[in-house]
Amino acid sequence: MLALAVLAGALGWFYRAPIAGYAATGAAFGARTACACRYVAGRDLNDCEKDFEPGMGAVFLSDDPDTRTVTAWVPLLASDTARYVEGYGCVLDRWEG
C-alpha cells in the first residue's frame, strides 16, 4: 500500500507541469468561450457550458454582469478571466496591456 502511494506521488510530481498546462489552457478557453457566449451572443451562462469540448467537466464558471467578465477555473490548478471590451469582443485579462 505504501509503495502504491509513493508511486502515485512520484507520478503526480513527474506530470505536474503538463497537468498544470492543460488546466491553464482549459481555464483560458472556458473563460473566453463563455464570455463570448454570454456577452456577445447574449445567452445564459448555464447554456454556455454546452459549447465546451468533451472532457472539460472540471472547468467551472462564474460571471459578473457589472464588469462584464467571466471567470473559469479548474480547482487547485488554474483560473482565468475574460472581459467583454466593446469593439473587440472578449479578451483574457492577462493579455491586456
PDB file of N, CA and C in Angstrom:
ATOM      1  N   MET A   1       0.832  -1.189   0.000  1.00  0.00           N
ATOM      2  CA  MET A   1       0.000   0.000   0.000  1.00  0.00           C
ATOM      3  C   MET A   1       0.879   1.257   0.000  1.00  0.00           C
ATOM      4  N   LEU A   2       1.924   1.245   0.811  1.00  0.00           N
ATOM      5  CA  LEU A   2       2.840   2.381   0.866  1.00  0.00           C
ATOM      6  C   LEU A   2       3.530   2.579  -0.483  1.00  0.00           C
ATOM      7  N   ALA A   3       3.905   1.465  -1.109  1.00  0.00           N
ATOM      8  CA  ALA A   3       4.571   1.560  -2.412  1.00  0.00           C
ATOM      9  C   ALA A   3       3.640   2.184  -3.452  1.00  0.00           C
ATOM     10  N   LEU A   4       2.371   1.842  -3.379  1.00  0.00           N
ATOM     11  CA  LEU A   4       1.401   2.418  -4.307  1.00  0.00           C
ATOM     12  C   LEU A   4       1.244   3.920  -4.089  1.00  0.00           C
ATOM     13  N   ALA A   5       1.234   4.340  -2.835  1.00  0.00           N
ATOM     14  CA  ALA A   5       1.137   5.770  -2.521  1.00  0.00           C
ATOM     15  C   ALA A   5       2.377   6.514  -2.997  1.00  0.00           C
ATOM     16  N   VAL A   6       3.546   5.920  -2.808  1.00  0.00           N
ATOM     17  CA  VAL A   6       4.793   6.545  -3.263  1.00  0.00           C
ATOM     18  C   VAL A   6       4.804   6.637  -4.788  1.00  0.00           C
ATOM     19  N   LEU A   7       4.361   5.582  -5.449  1.00  0.00           N
ATOM     20  CA  LEU A   7       4.306   5.592  -6.911  1.00  0.00           C
ATOM     21  C   LEU A   7       3.338   6.664  -7.417  1.00  0.00           C
ATOM     22  N   ALA A   8       2.175   6.772  -6.798  1.00  0.00           N
ATOM     23  CA  ALA A   8       1.206   7.795  -7.197  1.00  0.00           C
ATOM     24  C   ALA A   8       1.775   9.193  -6.975  1.00  0.00           C
ATOM     25  N   GLY A   9       2.456   9.408  -5.858  1.00  0.00           N
ATOM     26  CA  GLY A   9       3.072  10.708  -5.589  1.00  0.00           C
ATOM     27  C   GLY A   9       4.167  11.034  -6.593  1.00  0.00           C
ATOM     28  N   ALA A  10       4.977  10.044  -6.942  1.00  0.00           N
ATOM     29  CA  ALA A  10       6.052  10.258  -7.911  1.00  0.00           C
ATOM     30  C   ALA A  10       5.490  10.589  -9.292  1.00  0.00           C
ATOM     31  N   LEU A  11       4.449   9.879  -9.696  1.00  0.00           N
ATOM     32  CA  LEU A  11       3.838  10.171 -10.994  1.00  0.00           C
ATOM     33  C   LEU A  11       3.199  11.558 -11.006  1.00  0.00           C
ATOM     34  N   GLY A  12       2.549  11.926  -9.907  1.00  0.00           N
ATOM     35  CA  GLY A  12       1.965  13.266  -9.804  1.00  0.00           C
ATOM     36  C   GLY A  12       3.020  14.347  -9.892  1.00  0.00           C
ATOM     37  N   TRP A  13       4.157  14.134  -9.232  1.00  0.00           N
ATOM     38  CA  TRP A  13       5.242  15.114  -9.269  1.00  0.00           C
ATOM     39  C   TRP A  13       5.821  15.199 -10.677  1.00  0.00           C
ATOM     40  N   PHE A  14       5.995  14.042 -11.322  1.00  0.00           N
ATOM     41  CA  PHE A  14       6.586  13.999 -12.649  1.00  0.00           C
ATOM     42  C   PHE A  14       5.697  14.689 -13.687  1.00  0.00           C
ATOM     43  N   TYR A  15       4.387  14.512 -13.575  1.00  0.00           N
ATOM     44  CA  TYR A  15       3.455  15.060 -14.559  1.00  0.00           C
ATOM     45  C   TYR A  15       2.819  16.377 -14.135  1.00  0.00           C
ATOM     46  N   ARG A  16       3.347  17.026 -13.109  1.00  0.00           N
ATOM     47  CA  ARG A  16       2.720  18.250 -12.599  1.00  0.00           C
ATOM     48  C   ARG A  16       2.723  19.381 -13.630  1.00  0.00           C
ATOM     49  N   ALA A  17       3.782  19.543 -14.385  1.00  0.00           N
ATOM     50  CA  ALA A  17       3.844  20.627 -15.374  1.00  0.00           C
ATOM     51  C   ALA A  17       2.834  20.421 -16.503  1.00  0.00           C
ATOM     52  N   PRO A  18       2.757  19.230 -17.110  1.00  0.00           N
ATOM     53  CA  PRO A  18       1.751  19.057 -18.165  1.00  0.00           C
ATOM     54  C   PRO A  18       0.321  19.212 -17.646  1.00  0.00           C
ATOM     55  N   ILE A  19       0.044  18.693 -16.462  1.00  0.00           N
ATOM     56  CA  ILE A  19      -1.307  18.805 -15.908  1.00  0.00           C
ATOM     57  C   ILE A  19      -1.656  20.267 -15.665  1.00  0.00           C
ATOM     58  N   ALA A  20      -0.727  21.031 -15.106  1.00  0.00           N
ATOM     59  CA  ALA A  20      -0.970  22.460 -14.866  1.00  0.00           C
ATOM     60  C   ALA A  20      -1.153  23.205 -16.190  1.00  0.00           C
ATOM     61  N   GLY A  21      -0.411  22.821 -17.209  1.00  0.00           N
ATOM     62  CA  GLY A  21      -0.556  23.449 -18.524  1.00  0.00           C
ATOM     63  C   GLY A  21      -1.915  23.175 -19.147  1.00  0.00           C
ATOM     64  N   TYR A  22      -2.366  21.933 -19.048  1.00  0.00           N
ATOM     65  CA  TYR A  22      -3.700  21.598 -19.558  1.00  0.00           C
ATOM     66  C   TYR A  22      -4.777  22.347 -18.788  1.00  0.00           C
ATOM     67  N   ALA A  23      -4.614  22.463 -17.477  1.00  0.00           N
ATOM     68  CA  ALA A  23      -5.598  23.176 -16.656  1.00  0.00           C
ATOM     69  C   ALA A  23      -5.640  24.655 -17.026  1.00  0.00           C
ATOM     70  N   ALA A  24      -4.471  25.264 -17.227  1.00  0.00           N
ATOM     71  CA  ALA A  24      -4.420  26.683 -17.604  1.00  0.00           C
ATOM     72  C   ALA A  24      -5.057  26.907 -18.977  1.00  0.00           C
ATOM     73  N   THR A  25      -4.795  26.002 -19.910  1.00  0.00           N
ATOM     74  CA  THR A  25      -5.396  26.106 -21.238  1.00  0.00           C
ATOM     75  C   THR A  25      -6.908  25.941 -21.171  1.00  0.00           C
ATOM     76  N   GLY A  26      -7.365  24.981 -20.385  1.00  0.00           N
ATOM     77  CA  GLY A  26      -8.801  24.764 -20.230  1.00  0.00           C
ATOM     78  C   GLY A  26      -9.501  25.947 -19.589  1.00  0.00           C
ATOM     79  N   ALA A  27      -8.857  26.548 -18.582  1.00  0.00           N
ATOM     80  CA  ALA A  27      -9.451  27.714 -17.922  1.00  0.00           C
ATOM     81  C   ALA A  27      -9.520  28.902 -18.880  1.00  0.00           C
ATOM     82  N   ALA A  28      -8.465  29.128 -19.647  1.00  0.00           N
ATOM     83  CA  ALA A  28      -8.460  30.242 -20.604  1.00  0.00           C
ATOM     84  C   ALA A  28      -9.507  30.030 -21.697  1.00  0.00           C
ATOM     85  N   PHE A  29      -9.562  28.826 -22.238  1.00  0.00           N
ATOM     86  CA  PHE A  29     -10.556  28.512 -23.270  1.00  0.00           C
ATOM     87  C   PHE A  29     -11.966  28.667 -22.715  1.00  0.00           C
ATOM     88  N   GLY A  30     -12.187  28.161 -21.511  1.00  0.00           N
ATOM     89  CA  GLY A  30     -13.512  28.252 -20.900  1.00  0.00           C
ATOM     90  C   GLY A  30     -13.938  29.685 -20.651  1.00  0.00           C
ATOM     91  N   ALA A  31     -13.026  30.503 -20.136  1.00  0.00           N
ATOM     92  CA  ALA A  31     -13.353  31.903 -19.855  1.00  0.00           C
ATOM     93  C   ALA A  31     -13.670  32.658 -21.139  1.00  0.00           C
ATOM     94  N   ARG A  32     -12.856  32.495 -22.146  1.00  0.00           N
ATOM     95  CA  ARG A  32     -13.050  33.210 -23.413  1.00  0.00           C
ATOM     96  C   ARG A  32     -14.322  32.767 -24.119  1.00  0.00           C
ATOM     97  N   THR A  33     -14.542  31.461 -24.186  1.00  0.00           N
ATOM     98  CA  THR A  33     -15.722  30.924 -24.851  1.00  0.00           C
ATOM     99  C   THR A  33     -17.004  31.333 -24.133  1.00  0.00           C
ATOM    100  N   ALA A  34     -17.013  31.210 -22.814  1.00  0.00           N
ATOM    101  CA  ALA A  34     -18.210  31.554 -22.046  1.00  0.00           C
ATOM    102  C   ALA A  34     -18.477  33.057 -22.068  1.00  0.00           C
ATOM    103  N   CYS A  35     -17.426  33.871 -22.071  1.00  0.00           N
ATOM    104  CA  CYS A  35     -17.601  35.323 -22.151  1.00  0.00           C
ATOM    105  C   CYS A  35     -18.263  35.701 -23.474  1.00  0.00           C
ATOM    106  N   ALA A  36     -17.780  35.138 -24.567  1.00  0.00           N
ATOM    107  CA  ALA A  36     -18.372  35.436 -25.875  1.00  0.00           C
ATOM    108  C   ALA A  36     -19.810  34.938 -25.946  1.00  0.00           C
ATOM    109  N   CYS A  37     -20.046  33.779 -25.399  1.00  0.00           N
ATOM    110  CA  CYS A  37     -21.398  33.224 -25.385  1.00  0.00           C
ATOM    111  C   CYS A  37     -22.333  34.112 -24.571  1.00  0.00           C
ATOM    112  N   ARG A  38     -21.846  34.585 -23.439  1.00  0.00           N
ATOM    113  CA  ARG A  38     -22.685  35.356 -22.505  1.00  0.00           C
ATOM    114  C   ARG A  38     -22.892  36.796 -22.976  1.00  0.00           C
ATOM    115  N   TYR A  39     -21.807  37.482 -23.338  1.00  0.00           N
ATOM    116  CA  TYR A  39     -21.900  38.922 -23.591  1.00  0.00           C
ATOM    117  C   TYR A  39     -21.929  39.311 -25.065  1.00  0.00           C
ATOM    118  N   VAL A  40     -21.540  38.431 -25.961  1.00  0.00           N
ATOM    119  CA  VAL A  40     -21.662  38.716 -27.393  1.00  0.00           C
ATOM    120  C   VAL A  40     -22.957  38.099 -27.925  1.00  0.00           C
ATOM    121  N   ALA A  41     -23.177  36.821 -27.595  1.00  0.00           N
ATOM    122  CA  ALA A  41     -24.378  36.127 -28.079  1.00  0.00           C
ATOM    123  C   ALA A  41     -25.593  36.359 -27.185  1.00  0.00           C
ATOM    124  N   GLY A  42     -25.372  36.804 -25.941  1.00  0.00           N
ATOM    125  CA  GLY A  42     -26.480  37.103 -25.044  1.00  0.00           C
ATOM    126  C   GLY A  42     -27.161  35.893 -24.436  1.00  0.00           C
ATOM    127  N   ARG A  43     -26.461  34.766 -24.375  1.00  0.00           N
ATOM    128  CA  ARG A  43     -27.048  33.553 -23.812  1.00  0.00           C
ATOM    129  C   ARG A  43     -26.812  33.480 -22.310  1.00  0.00           C
ATOM    130  N   ASP A  44     -27.573  32.621 -21.644  1.00  0.00           N
ATOM    131  CA  ASP A  44     -27.415  32.377 -20.217  1.00  0.00           C
ATOM    132  C   ASP A  44     -26.118  31.610 -19.970  1.00  0.00           C
ATOM    133  N   LEU A  45     -25.452  31.890 -18.854  1.00  0.00           N
ATOM    134  CA  LEU A  45     -24.162  31.258 -18.570  1.00  0.00           C
ATOM    135  C   LEU A  45     -24.288  29.739 -18.490  1.00  0.00           C
ATOM    136  N   ASN A  46     -25.353  29.227 -17.905  1.00  0.00           N
ATOM    137  CA  ASN A  46     -25.535  27.771 -17.837  1.00  0.00           C
ATOM    138  C   ASN A  46     -25.662  27.166 -19.227  1.00  0.00           C
ATOM    139  N   ASP A  47     -26.263  27.879 -20.144  1.00  0.00           N
ATOM    140  CA  ASP A  47     -26.392  27.403 -21.514  1.00  0.00           C
ATOM    141  C   ASP A  47     -25.042  27.412 -22.232  1.00  0.00           C
ATOM    142  N   CYS A  48     -24.151  28.295 -21.824  1.00  0.00           N
ATOM    143  CA  CYS A  48     -22.841  28.412 -22.470  1.00  0.00           C
ATOM    144  C   CYS A  48     -21.965  27.185 -22.236  1.00  0.00           C
ATOM    145  N   GLU A  49     -22.195  26.461 -21.155  1.00  0.00           N
ATOM    146  CA  GLU A  49     -21.391  25.265 -20.890  1.00  0.00           C
ATOM    147  C   GLU A  49     -21.598  24.203 -21.961  1.00  0.00           C
ATOM    148  N   LYS A  50     -22.678  24.290 -22.713  1.00  0.00           N
ATOM    149  CA  LYS A  50     -22.919  23.344 -23.808  1.00  0.00           C
ATOM    150  C   LYS A  50     -21.884  23.510 -24.917  1.00  0.00           C
ATOM    151  N   ASP A  51     -21.234  24.672 -24.992  1.00  0.00           N
ATOM    152  CA  ASP A  51     -20.233  24.927 -26.030  1.00  0.00           C
ATOM    153  C   ASP A  51     -18.866  24.341 -25.688  1.00  0.00           C
ATOM    154  N   PHE A  52     -18.707  23.829 -24.485  1.00  0.00           N
ATOM    155  CA  PHE A  52     -17.419  23.272 -24.074  1.00  0.00           C
ATOM    156  C   PHE A  52     -17.120  21.982 -24.835  1.00  0.00           C
ATOM    157  N   GLU A  53     -15.844  21.728 -25.010  1.00  0.00           N
ATOM    158  CA  GLU A  53     -15.388  20.497 -25.633  1.00  0.00           C
ATOM    159  C   GLU A  53     -15.565  19.332 -24.656  1.00  0.00           C
ATOM    160  N   PRO A  54     -15.678  18.102 -25.163  1.00  0.00           N
ATOM    161  CA  PRO A  54     -15.748  16.948 -24.263  1.00  0.00           C
ATOM    162  C   PRO A  54     -14.503  16.892 -23.371  1.00  0.00           C
ATOM    163  N   GLY A  55     -14.683  16.540 -22.131  1.00  0.00           N
ATOM    164  CA  GLY A  55     -13.568  16.451 -21.195  1.00  0.00           C
ATOM    165  C   GLY A  55     -13.337  17.710 -20.390  1.00  0.00           C
ATOM    166  N   MET A  56     -14.165  18.727 -20.580  1.00  0.00           N
ATOM    167  CA  MET A  56     -13.981  19.976 -19.837  1.00  0.00           C
ATOM    168  C   MET A  56     -14.895  20.062 -18.624  1.00  0.00           C
ATOM    169  N   GLY A  57     -15.295  18.913 -18.096  1.00  0.00           N
ATOM    170  CA  GLY A  57     -16.174  18.887 -16.939  1.00  0.00           C
ATOM    171  C   GLY A  57     -15.547  19.438 -15.677  1.00  0.00           C
ATOM    172  N   ALA A  58     -14.219  19.549 -15.637  1.00  0.00           N
ATOM    173  CA  ALA A  58     -13.535  20.068 -14.450  1.00  0.00           C
ATOM    174  C   ALA A  58     -13.423  21.587 -14.462  1.00  0.00           C
ATOM    175  N   VAL A  59     -13.886  22.239 -15.525  1.00  0.00           N
ATOM    176  CA  VAL A  59     -13.823  23.700 -15.623  1.00  0.00           C
ATOM    177  C   VAL A  59     -15.150  24.279 -15.126  1.00  0.00           C
ATOM    178  N   PHE A  60     -15.062  25.158 -14.139  1.00  0.00           N
ATOM    179  CA  PHE A  60     -16.240  25.791 -13.553  1.00  0.00           C
ATOM    180  C   PHE A  60     -16.281  27.262 -13.949  1.00  0.00           C
ATOM    181  N   LEU A  61     -17.488  27.837 -14.005  1.00  0.00           N
ATOM    182  CA  LEU A  61     -17.674  29.208 -14.480  1.00  0.00           C
ATOM    183  C   LEU A  61     -18.410  30.068 -13.470  1.00  0.00           C
ATOM    184  N   SER A  62     -18.075  31.356 -13.475  1.00  0.00           N
ATOM    185  CA  SER A  62     -18.876  32.364 -12.773  1.00  0.00           C
ATOM    186  C   SER A  62     -18.786  33.651 -13.581  1.00  0.00           C
ATOM    187  N   ASP A  63     -19.848  34.449 -13.532  1.00  0.00           N
ATOM    188  CA  ASP A  63     -19.812  35.708 -14.272  1.00  0.00           C
ATOM    189  C   ASP A  63     -20.169  36.863 -13.356  1.00  0.00           C
ATOM    190  N   ASP A  64     -19.724  38.042 -13.767  1.00  0.00           N
ATOM    191  CA  ASP A  64     -20.019  39.281 -13.049  1.00  0.00           C
ATOM    192  C   ASP A  64     -20.617  40.250 -14.065  1.00  0.00           C
ATOM    193  N   PRO A  65     -21.940  40.373 -14.088  1.00  0.00           N
ATOM    194  CA  PRO A  65     -22.578  41.247 -15.081  1.00  0.00           C
ATOM    195  C   PRO A  65     -22.183  42.715 -14.951  1.00  0.00           C
ATOM    196  N   ASP A  66     -21.827  43.168 -13.750  1.00  0.00           N
ATOM    197  CA  ASP A  66     -21.448  44.573 -13.575  1.00  0.00           C
ATOM    198  C   ASP A  66     -20.174  44.922 -14.332  1.00  0.00           C
ATOM    199  N   THR A  67     -19.198  44.020 -14.325  1.00  0.00           N
ATOM    200  CA  THR A  67     -17.934  44.266 -15.021  1.00  0.00           C
ATOM    201  C   THR A  67     -17.858  43.543 -16.364  1.00  0.00           C
ATOM    202  N   ARG A  68     -18.902  42.783 -16.690  1.00  0.00           N
ATOM    203  CA  ARG A  68     -18.977  42.004 -17.924  1.00  0.00           C
ATOM    204  C   ARG A  68     -17.776  41.079 -18.071  1.00  0.00           C
ATOM    205  N   THR A  69     -17.528  40.315 -17.010  1.00  0.00           N
ATOM    206  CA  THR A  69     -16.435  39.351 -17.012  1.00  0.00           C
ATOM    207  C   THR A  69     -16.962  37.956 -16.714  1.00  0.00           C
ATOM    208  N   VAL A  70     -16.229  36.970 -17.196  1.00  0.00           N
ATOM    209  CA  VAL A  70     -16.482  35.568 -16.876  1.00  0.00           C
ATOM    210  C   VAL A  70     -15.168  34.982 -16.385  1.00  0.00           C
ATOM    211  N   THR A  71     -15.216  34.315 -15.252  1.00  0.00           N
ATOM    212  CA  THR A  71     -14.050  33.640 -14.703  1.00  0.00           C
ATOM    213  C   THR A  71     -14.268  32.141 -14.809  1.00  0.00           C
ATOM    214  N   ALA A  72     -13.258  31.449 -15.303  1.00  0.00           N
ATOM    215  CA  ALA A  72     -13.278  29.990 -15.386  1.00  0.00           C
ATOM    216  C   ALA A  72     -12.118  29.464 -14.563  1.00  0.00           C
ATOM    217  N   TRP A  73     -12.341  28.368 -13.858  1.00  0.00           N
ATOM    218  CA  TRP A  73     -11.263  27.816 -13.048  1.00  0.00           C
ATOM    219  C   TRP A  73     -11.344  26.302 -12.995  1.00  0.00           C
ATOM    220  N   VAL A  74     -10.164  25.701 -12.826  1.00  0.00           N
ATOM    221  CA  VAL A  74     -10.013  24.286 -12.527  1.00  0.00           C
ATOM    222  C   VAL A  74      -9.529  24.252 -11.084  1.00  0.00           C
ATOM    223  N   PRO A  75     -10.310  23.696 -10.173  1.00  0.00           N
ATOM    224  CA  PRO A  75      -9.972  23.772  -8.748  1.00  0.00           C
ATOM    225  C   PRO A  75      -8.531  23.351  -8.449  1.00  0.00           C
ATOM    226  N   LEU A  76      -7.863  24.190  -7.676  1.00  0.00           N
ATOM    227  CA  LEU A  76      -6.494  23.986  -7.186  1.00  0.00           C
ATOM    228  C   LEU A  76      -5.419  24.076  -8.262  1.00  0.00           C
ATOM    229  N   LEU A  77      -5.782  24.300  -9.514  1.00  0.00           N
ATOM    230  CA  LEU A  77      -4.772  24.284 -10.572  1.00  0.00           C
ATOM    231  C   LEU A  77      -4.676  25.571 -11.381  1.00  0.00           C
ATOM    232  N   ALA A  78      -5.791  26.117 -11.828  1.00  0.00           N
ATOM    233  CA  ALA A  78      -5.719  27.272 -12.733  1.00  0.00           C
ATOM    234  C   ALA A  78      -7.007  28.077 -12.689  1.00  0.00           C
ATOM    235  N   SER A  79      -6.877  29.348 -13.048  1.00  0.00           N
ATOM    236  CA  SER A  79      -8.015  30.255 -13.127  1.00  0.00           C
ATOM    237  C   SER A  79      -7.705  31.318 -14.175  1.00  0.00           C
ATOM    238  N   ASP A  80      -8.729  31.758 -14.884  1.00  0.00           N
ATOM    239  CA  ASP A  80      -8.544  32.813 -15.875  1.00  0.00           C
ATOM    240  C   ASP A  80      -9.844  33.595 -16.019  1.00  0.00           C
ATOM    241  N   THR A  81      -9.728  34.867 -16.389  1.00  0.00           N
ATOM    242  CA  THR A  81     -10.885  35.743 -16.534  1.00  0.00           C
ATOM    243  C   THR A  81     -10.862  36.393 -17.907  1.00  0.00           C
ATOM    244  N   ALA A  82     -12.026  36.412 -18.547  1.00  0.00           N
ATOM    245  CA  ALA A  82     -12.189  37.105 -19.826  1.00  0.00           C
ATOM    246  C   ALA A  82     -13.173  38.247 -19.620  1.00  0.00           C
ATOM    247  N   ARG A  83     -12.893  39.369 -20.272  1.00  0.00           N
ATOM    248  CA  ARG A  83     -13.692  40.586 -20.120  1.00  0.00           C
ATOM    249  C   ARG A  83     -14.205  41.017 -21.495  1.00  0.00           C
ATOM    250  N   TYR A  84     -15.470  41.423 -21.537  1.00  0.00           N
ATOM    251  CA  TYR A  84     -16.030  41.945 -22.784  1.00  0.00           C
ATOM    252  C   TYR A  84     -15.572  43.389 -22.959  1.00  0.00           C
ATOM    253  N   VAL A  85     -14.956  43.669 -24.105  1.00  0.00           N
ATOM    254  CA  VAL A  85     -14.488  45.014 -24.443  1.00  0.00           C
ATOM    255  C   VAL A  85     -15.203  45.431 -25.726  1.00  0.00           C
ATOM    256  N   GLU A  86     -15.948  46.514 -25.654  1.00  0.00           N
ATOM    257  CA  GLU A  86     -16.707  46.996 -26.812  1.00  0.00           C
ATOM    258  C   GLU A  86     -15.775  47.186 -28.009  1.00  0.00           C
ATOM    259  N   GLY A  87     -16.161  46.630 -29.134  1.00  0.00           N
ATOM    260  CA  GLY A  87     -15.371  46.750 -30.350  1.00  0.00           C
ATOM    261  C   GLY A  87     -14.332  45.659 -30.534  1.00  0.00           C
ATOM    262  N   TYR A  88     -14.016  44.928 -29.470  1.00  0.00           N
ATOM    263  CA  TYR A  88     -13.010  43.866 -29.539  1.00  0.00           C
ATOM    264  C   TYR A  88     -13.573  42.502 -29.185  1.00  0.00           C
ATOM    265  N   GLY A  89     -14.708  42.457 -28.521  1.00  0.00           N
ATOM    266  CA  GLY A  89     -15.247  41.177 -28.061  1.00  0.00           C
ATOM    267  C   GLY A  89     -14.677  40.834 -26.697  1.00  0.00           C
ATOM    268  N   CYS A  90     -14.455  39.565 -26.464  1.00  0.00           N
ATOM    269  CA  CYS A  90     -13.954  39.110 -25.162  1.00  0.00           C
ATOM    270  C   CYS A  90     -12.454  38.856 -25.236  1.00  0.00           C
ATOM    271  N   VAL A  91     -11.740  39.409 -24.280  1.00  0.00           N
ATOM    272  CA  VAL A  91     -10.289  39.238 -24.211  1.00  0.00           C
ATOM    273  C   VAL A  91      -9.929  38.726 -22.826  1.00  0.00           C
ATOM    274  N   LEU A  92      -8.867  37.942 -22.774  1.00  0.00           N
ATOM    275  CA  LEU A  92      -8.379  37.451 -21.491  1.00  0.00           C
ATOM    276  C   LEU A  92      -7.689  38.584 -20.754  1.00  0.00           C
ATOM    277  N   ASP A  93      -7.966  38.713 -19.475  1.00  0.00           N
ATOM    278  CA  ASP A  93      -7.391  39.807 -18.694  1.00  0.00           C
ATOM    279  C   ASP A  93      -5.873  39.804 -18.711  1.00  0.00           C
ATOM    280  N   ARG A  94      -5.269  38.652 -18.642  1.00  0.00           N
ATOM    281  CA  ARG A  94      -3.808  38.623 -18.547  1.00  0.00           C
ATOM    282  C   ARG A  94      -3.119  39.096 -19.814  1.00  0.00           C
ATOM    283  N   TRP A  95      -3.844  39.157 -20.929  1.00  0.00           N
ATOM    284  CA  TRP A  95      -3.245  39.598 -22.179  1.00  0.00           C
ATOM    285  C   TRP A  95      -3.437  41.079 -22.435  1.00  0.00           C
ATOM    286  N   GLU A  96      -4.201  41.755 -21.595  1.00  0.00           N
ATOM    287  CA  GLU A  96      -4.381  43.188 -21.788  1.00  0.00           C
ATOM    288  C   GLU A  96      -3.101  43.923 -21.422  1.00  0.00           C
ATOM    289  N   GLY A  97      -2.770  44.934 -22.212  1.00  0.00           N
ATOM    290  CA  GLY A  97      -1.540  45.663 -21.987  1.00  0.00           C
ATOM    291  C   GLY A  97      -1.661  46.625 -20.887  1.00  0.00           C
TER     292      GLY A  97
END
